[in-house]
Amino acid sequence: MSSSRLRLLIVDDETGTRNMLERAMSRRGFDTRVAESVDEALGLIARERFDCALLDLKIHHDSGLELIAPLRAENPRARIILLTGYSSIPTAVAAIKLGADDYLCKPAGGEQLVAALTGEQANSSDATELPEISSAPPSVNRLAWEHIQRVLAENDGNISATARALGMHRRTLQRKLQKRPKGQ
């Protein structure tokens, strides 16, 4: 499947990310439509048929998971990609069970997105290579780092708001952010 003039729905509540994705995918030959909320996306889905979609997991207080079934109902062959900064095993499993074709972590590169949206990666020889699985569980430091990163993303990178949400002093949070755990 070539990206040439495929109709793409991009749903992301972050204006900068949404605009960047729209520009990047338009330059790569997609006919893009954007929405910043689940309600706006549902309106577009009712009016237009999409060949593929990039859905953010967290859209304001809603979830991009809510859009998978309506997209599938309108076009069962659509490629649906969940794009998230909040990656977790439960959301990945839920996305695939609901019918998403792929689950990518932000930031994802333009070529990676094109491959996921066109299904090219499913046909490549790299798709048969399995990722390396660690024999040890993640360290407490790594889990804490990932949690801080999720809360930081929820607060649009605002250190003060993140510190309040985590119940810690702002300077303590800044020190923790400077100490990236090994193995990342």
C-alpha atoms as a PDB file:
ATOM      1  CA  MET A   1       0.000   0.000   0.000  1.00  0.00           C
ATOM      2  CA  SER A   2       1.546   3.307  -1.077  1.00  0.00           C
ATOM      3  CA  SER A   3       1.062   6.507   0.946  1.00  0.00           C
ATOM      4  CA  SER A   4       0.089   8.408  -2.199  1.00  0.00           C
ATOM      5  CA  ARG A   5      -3.178  10.163  -1.402  1.00  0.00           C
ATOM      6  CA  LEU A   6      -4.272   7.837   1.373  1.00  0.00           C
ATOM      7  CA  ARG A   7      -6.783   9.689   3.548  1.00  0.00           C
ATOM      8  CA  LEU A   8      -5.243   9.957   7.045  1.00  0.00           C
ATOM      9  CA  LEU A   9      -6.955  11.009  10.276  1.00  0.00           C
ATOM     10  CA  ILE A  10      -4.641  12.457  12.932  1.00  0.00           C
ATOM     11  CA  VAL A  11      -6.104  12.843  16.427  1.00  0.00           C
ATOM     12  CA  ASP A  12      -3.953  14.537  19.080  1.00  0.00           C
ATOM     13  CA  ASP A  13      -4.879  17.145  21.674  1.00  0.00           C
ATOM     14  CA  GLU A  14      -1.409  18.734  21.663  1.00  0.00           C
ATOM     15  CA  THR A  15      -1.424  21.466  19.014  1.00  0.00           C
ATOM     16  CA  GLY A  16       2.307  21.298  18.308  1.00  0.00           C
ATOM     17  CA  THR A  17       2.346  17.524  17.894  1.00  0.00           C
ATOM     18  CA  ARG A  18      -0.826  17.558  15.790  1.00  0.00           C
ATOM     19  CA  ASN A  19       0.536  20.260  13.446  1.00  0.00           C
ATOM     20  CA  MET A  20       3.929  18.560  13.156  1.00  0.00           C
ATOM     21  CA  LEU A  21       2.305  15.214  12.295  1.00  0.00           C
ATOM     22  CA  GLU A  22       0.022  16.862   9.750  1.00  0.00           C
ATOM     23  CA  ARG A  23       2.940  18.600   7.987  1.00  0.00           C
ATOM     24  CA  ALA A  24       5.154  15.508   8.057  1.00  0.00           C
ATOM     25  CA  MET A  25       2.483  13.170   6.718  1.00  0.00           C
ATOM     26  CA  SER A  26       1.261  15.651   4.083  1.00  0.00           C
ATOM     27  CA  ARG A  27       4.838  15.955   2.791  1.00  0.00           C
ATOM     28  CA  ARG A  28       4.904  12.161   2.505  1.00  0.00           C
ATOM     29  CA  GLY A  29       1.831  12.085   0.260  1.00  0.00           C
ATOM     30  CA  PHE A  30      -1.029  11.588   2.713  1.00  0.00           C
ATOM     31  CA  ASP A  31      -4.319  13.499   2.424  1.00  0.00           C
ATOM     32  CA  THR A  32      -4.595  14.510   6.086  1.00  0.00           C
ATOM     33  CA  ARG A  33      -7.430  15.599   8.354  1.00  0.00           C
ATOM     34  CA  VAL A  34      -6.854  16.529  11.978  1.00  0.00           C
ATOM     35  CA  ALA A  35      -8.916  16.554  15.157  1.00  0.00           C
ATOM     36  CA  GLU A  36      -8.035  17.658  18.660  1.00  0.00           C
ATOM     37  CA  SER A  37     -10.784  15.782  20.529  1.00  0.00           C
ATOM     38  CA  VAL A  38     -12.620  12.479  20.404  1.00  0.00           C
ATOM     39  CA  ASP A  39     -15.889  14.290  19.608  1.00  0.00           C
ATOM     40  CA  GLU A  40     -14.315  16.194  16.707  1.00  0.00           C
ATOM     41  CA  ALA A  41     -12.780  12.950  15.405  1.00  0.00           C
ATOM     42  CA  LEU A  42     -16.125  11.139  15.611  1.00  0.00           C
ATOM     43  CA  GLY A  43     -17.664  13.928  13.515  1.00  0.00           C
ATOM     44  CA  LEU A  44     -14.955  13.515  10.857  1.00  0.00           C
ATOM     45  CA  ILE A  45     -15.362   9.726  10.878  1.00  0.00           C
ATOM     46  CA  ALA A  46     -19.116  10.132  10.305  1.00  0.00           C
ATOM     47  CA  ARG A  47     -18.543  12.454   7.311  1.00  0.00           C
ATOM     48  CA  GLU A  48     -15.438  10.965   5.668  1.00  0.00           C
ATOM     49  CA  ARG A  49     -13.874   7.576   5.006  1.00  0.00           C
ATOM     50  CA  PHE A  50     -10.282   7.178   6.209  1.00  0.00           C
ATOM     51  CA  ASP A  51      -7.690   4.730   4.910  1.00  0.00           C
ATOM     52  CA  CYS A  52      -5.554   5.096   8.017  1.00  0.00           C
ATOM     53  CA  ALA A  53      -5.374   6.882  11.371  1.00  0.00           C
ATOM     54  CA  LEU A  54      -2.816   8.067  13.915  1.00  0.00           C
ATOM     55  CA  LEU A  55      -4.505   8.202  17.311  1.00  0.00           C
ATOM     56  CA  ASP A  56      -3.015   9.623  20.471  1.00  0.00           C
ATOM     57  CA  LEU A  57      -3.773   7.484  23.527  1.00  0.00           C
ATOM     58  CA  LYS A  58      -4.596  10.353  25.871  1.00  0.00           C
ATOM     59  CA  ILE A  59      -6.791  13.019  24.305  1.00  0.00           C
ATOM     60  CA  HIS A  60      -7.734  15.529  27.008  1.00  0.00           C
ATOM     61  CA  HIS A  61      -9.767  13.371  29.429  1.00  0.00           C
ATOM     62  CA  ASP A  62     -10.698  10.813  26.753  1.00  0.00           C
ATOM     63  CA  SER A  63      -8.807   8.010  25.031  1.00  0.00           C
ATOM     64  CA  GLY A  64      -7.877   7.331  21.431  1.00  0.00           C
ATOM     65  CA  LEU A  65      -8.949   3.744  22.135  1.00  0.00           C
ATOM     66  CA  GLU A  66     -12.554   4.984  21.846  1.00  0.00           C
ATOM     67  CA  LEU A  67     -11.988   5.766  18.158  1.00  0.00           C
ATOM     68  CA  ILE A  68     -10.800   2.335  17.030  1.00  0.00           C
ATOM     69  CA  ALA A  69     -14.271   0.718  16.775  1.00  0.00           C
ATOM     70  CA  PRO A  70     -15.889   3.612  14.846  1.00  0.00           C
ATOM     71  CA  LEU A  71     -12.956   3.711  12.421  1.00  0.00           C
ATOM     72  CA  ARG A  72     -13.151  -0.067  11.912  1.00  0.00           C
ATOM     73  CA  ALA A  73     -16.919   0.141  11.375  1.00  0.00           C
ATOM     74  CA  GLU A  74     -16.482   2.715   8.589  1.00  0.00           C
ATOM     75  CA  ASN A  75     -13.493   1.012   6.939  1.00  0.00           C
ATOM     76  CA  PRO A  76     -12.551  -2.491   8.138  1.00  0.00           C
ATOM     77  CA  ARG A  77      -9.310  -2.346   6.117  1.00  0.00           C
ATOM     78  CA  ALA A  78      -8.082   0.962   7.600  1.00  0.00           C
ATOM     79  CA  ARG A  79      -4.618   0.927   9.195  1.00  0.00           C
ATOM     80  CA  ILE A  80      -5.010   2.236  12.750  1.00  0.00           C
ATOM     81  CA  ILE A  81      -1.920   3.218  14.709  1.00  0.00           C
ATOM     82  CA  LEU A  82      -2.004   4.209  18.378  1.00  0.00           C
ATOM     83  CA  LEU A  83       0.745   6.750  19.055  1.00  0.00           C
ATOM     84  CA  THR A  84       1.503   7.448  22.688  1.00  0.00           C
ATOM     85  CA  GLY A  85       3.863   8.886  25.223  1.00  0.00           C
ATOM     86  CA  TYR A  86       2.175   6.691  27.856  1.00  0.00           C
ATOM     87  CA  SER A  87       3.245   3.261  26.723  1.00  0.00           C
ATOM     88  CA  SER A  88       2.277   0.344  28.893  1.00  0.00           C
ATOM     89  CA  ILE A  89       1.545  -3.310  28.357  1.00  0.00           C
ATOM     90  CA  PRO A  90      -2.161  -3.016  29.327  1.00  0.00           C
ATOM     91  CA  THR A  91      -2.820  -0.182  26.849  1.00  0.00           C
ATOM     92  CA  ALA A  92      -0.872  -1.954  24.097  1.00  0.00           C
ATOM     93  CA  VAL A  93      -2.874  -5.148  24.650  1.00  0.00           C
ATOM     94  CA  ALA A  94      -6.157  -3.198  24.769  1.00  0.00           C
ATOM     95  CA  ALA A  95      -5.300  -1.336  21.551  1.00  0.00           C
ATOM     96  CA  ILE A  96      -4.515  -4.543  19.667  1.00  0.00           C
ATOM     97  CA  LYS A  97      -7.587  -6.351  21.057  1.00  0.00           C
ATOM     98  CA  LEU A  98      -9.782  -3.430  19.971  1.00  0.00           C
ATOM     99  CA  GLY A  99      -8.375  -3.651  16.460  1.00  0.00           C
ATOM    100  CA  ALA A 100      -5.390  -1.296  16.225  1.00  0.00           C
ATOM    101  CA  ASP A 101      -2.742  -2.419  13.758  1.00  0.00           C
ATOM    102  CA  ASP A 102       0.207  -1.012  15.675  1.00  0.00           C
ATOM    103  CA  TYR A 103       1.174   0.747  18.891  1.00  0.00           C
ATOM    104  CA  LEU A 104       4.083   3.194  18.670  1.00  0.00           C
ATOM    105  CA  CYS A 105       5.773   5.230  21.369  1.00  0.00           C
ATOM    106  CA  LYS A 106       6.375   8.944  20.942  1.00  0.00           C
ATOM    107  CA  PRO A 107       8.494  10.281  19.491  1.00  0.00           C
ATOM    108  CA  ALA A 108       8.193   8.189  16.336  1.00  0.00           C
ATOM    109  CA  GLY A 109       9.997   9.191  13.158  1.00  0.00           C
ATOM    110  CA  GLY A 110       8.233  10.032   9.917  1.00  0.00           C
ATOM    111  CA  GLU A 111       9.501   6.960   8.077  1.00  0.00           C
ATOM    112  CA  GLN A 112       8.482   4.714  10.978  1.00  0.00           C
ATOM    113  CA  LEU A 113       4.980   6.222  10.856  1.00  0.00           C
ATOM    114  CA  VAL A 114       4.724   5.807   7.085  1.00  0.00           C
ATOM    115  CA  ALA A 115       5.797   2.153   7.364  1.00  0.00           C
ATOM    116  CA  ALA A 116       3.183   1.517  10.073  1.00  0.00           C
ATOM    117  CA  LEU A 117       0.426   3.369   8.197  1.00  0.00           C
ATOM    118  CA  THR A 118       1.065   1.668   4.867  1.00  0.00           C
ATOM    119  CA  GLY A 119       1.693  -1.789   6.314  1.00  0.00           C
ATOM    120  CA  GLU A 120       5.172  -1.923   4.772  1.00  0.00           C
ATOM    121  CA  GLN A 121       6.801  -2.994   8.029  1.00  0.00           C
ATOM    122  CA  ALA A 122       4.519  -6.024   8.252  1.00  0.00           C
ATOM    123  CA  ASN A 123       5.895  -7.219   4.913  1.00  0.00           C
ATOM    124  CA  SER A 124       9.557  -6.506   5.629  1.00  0.00           C
ATOM    125  CA  SER A 125      12.088  -9.136   6.687  1.00  0.00           C
ATOM    126  CA  ASP A 126      12.771  -7.116   9.862  1.00  0.00           C
ATOM    127  CA  ALA A 127       9.236  -7.885  11.065  1.00  0.00           C
ATOM    128  CA  THR A 128      10.252 -11.494  11.748  1.00  0.00           C
ATOM    129  CA  GLU A 129      13.063 -10.494  14.094  1.00  0.00           C
ATOM    130  CA  LEU A 130      11.949 -10.670  17.699  1.00  0.00           C
ATOM    131  CA  PRO A 131      13.044  -8.006  20.178  1.00  0.00           C
ATOM    132  CA  GLU A 132      15.484  -8.943  22.902  1.00  0.00           C
ATOM    133  CA  ILE A 133      13.711  -9.664  26.174  1.00  0.00           C
ATOM    134  CA  SER A 134      15.490  -8.756  29.377  1.00  0.00           C
ATOM    135  CA  SER A 135      15.873 -11.559  31.896  1.00  0.00           C
ATOM    136  CA  ALA A 136      15.644  -9.101  34.793  1.00  0.00           C
ATOM    137  CA  PRO A 137      12.668  -6.935  35.707  1.00  0.00           C
ATOM    138  CA  PRO A 138      13.130  -3.169  35.352  1.00  0.00           C
ATOM    139  CA  SER A 139      14.839  -1.509  38.303  1.00  0.00           C
ATOM    140  CA  VAL A 140      12.928   0.664  40.744  1.00  0.00           C
ATOM    141  CA  ASN A 141      14.914   3.659  39.454  1.00  0.00           C
ATOM    142  CA  ARG A 142      13.823   2.931  35.893  1.00  0.00           C
ATOM    143  CA  LEU A 143      10.166   2.497  36.908  1.00  0.00           C
ATOM    144  CA  ALA A 144      10.308   5.756  38.876  1.00  0.00           C
ATOM    145  CA  TRP A 145      11.933   7.527  35.894  1.00  0.00           C
ATOM    146  CA  GLU A 146       9.200   6.272  33.538  1.00  0.00           C
ATOM    147  CA  HIS A 147       6.462   7.354  35.969  1.00  0.00           C
ATOM    148  CA  ILE A 148       8.000  10.827  36.276  1.00  0.00           C
ATOM    149  CA  GLN A 149       8.193  11.069  32.468  1.00  0.00           C
ATOM    150  CA  ARG A 150       4.493  10.154  32.134  1.00  0.00           C
ATOM    151  CA  VAL A 151       3.419  12.725  34.721  1.00  0.00           C
ATOM    152  CA  LEU A 152       5.702  15.313  33.112  1.00  0.00           C
ATOM    153  CA  ALA A 153       4.065  14.646  29.728  1.00  0.00           C
ATOM    154  CA  GLU A 154       0.595  14.927  31.318  1.00  0.00           C
ATOM    155  CA  ASN A 155       1.607  18.381  32.524  1.00  0.00           C
ATOM    156  CA  ASP A 156       2.985  19.440  29.120  1.00  0.00           C
ATOM    157  CA  GLY A 157       6.563  19.538  30.415  1.00  0.00           C
ATOM    158  CA  ASN A 158       5.725  21.930  33.266  1.00  0.00           C
ATOM    159  CA  ILE A 159       8.198  21.080  36.061  1.00  0.00           C
ATOM    160  CA  SER A 160       6.282  22.932  38.800  1.00  0.00           C
ATOM    161  CA  ALA A 161       2.943  21.280  37.958  1.00  0.00           C
ATOM    162  CA  THR A 162       4.645  17.879  37.735  1.00  0.00           C
ATOM    163  CA  ALA A 163       6.323  18.358  41.125  1.00  0.00           C
ATOM    164  CA  ARG A 164       2.941  19.245  42.682  1.00  0.00           C
ATOM    165  CA  ALA A 165       1.295  16.212  41.061  1.00  0.00           C
ATOM    166  CA  LEU A 166       4.050  13.934  42.372  1.00  0.00           C
ATOM    167  CA  GLY A 167       4.054  15.548  45.823  1.00  0.00           C
ATOM    168  CA  MET A 168       7.707  16.530  45.741  1.00  0.00           C
ATOM    169  CA  HIS A 169       9.727  19.719  45.796  1.00  0.00           C
ATOM    170  CA  ARG A 170      10.513  21.251  42.407  1.00  0.00           C
ATOM    171  CA  ARG A 171      14.304  21.096  42.953  1.00  0.00           C
ATOM    172  CA  THR A 172      14.078  17.425  43.953  1.00  0.00           C
ATOM    173  CA  LEU A 173      12.239  16.698  40.705  1.00  0.00           C
ATOM    174  CA  GLN A 174      14.852  18.604  38.698  1.00  0.00           C
ATOM    175  CA  ARG A 175      17.636  16.526  40.298  1.00  0.00           C
ATOM    176  CA  LYS A 176      15.765  13.296  39.513  1.00  0.00           C
ATOM    177  CA  LEU A 177      15.297  14.379  35.898  1.00  0.00           C
ATOM    178  CA  GLN A 178      19.053  14.910  35.539  1.00  0.00           C
ATOM    179  CA  LYS A 179      19.781  11.346  36.749  1.00  0.00           C
ATOM    180  CA  ARG A 180      18.614   9.182  33.854  1.00  0.00           C
ATOM    181  CA  PRO A 181      18.768   5.479  34.831  1.00  0.00           C
ATOM    182  CA  LYS A 182      21.318   3.291  33.064  1.00  0.00           C
ATOM    183  CA  GLY A 183      20.174   1.099  30.220  1.00  0.00           C
ATOM    184  CA  GLN A 184      18.136   3.808  28.455  1.00  0.00           C
END
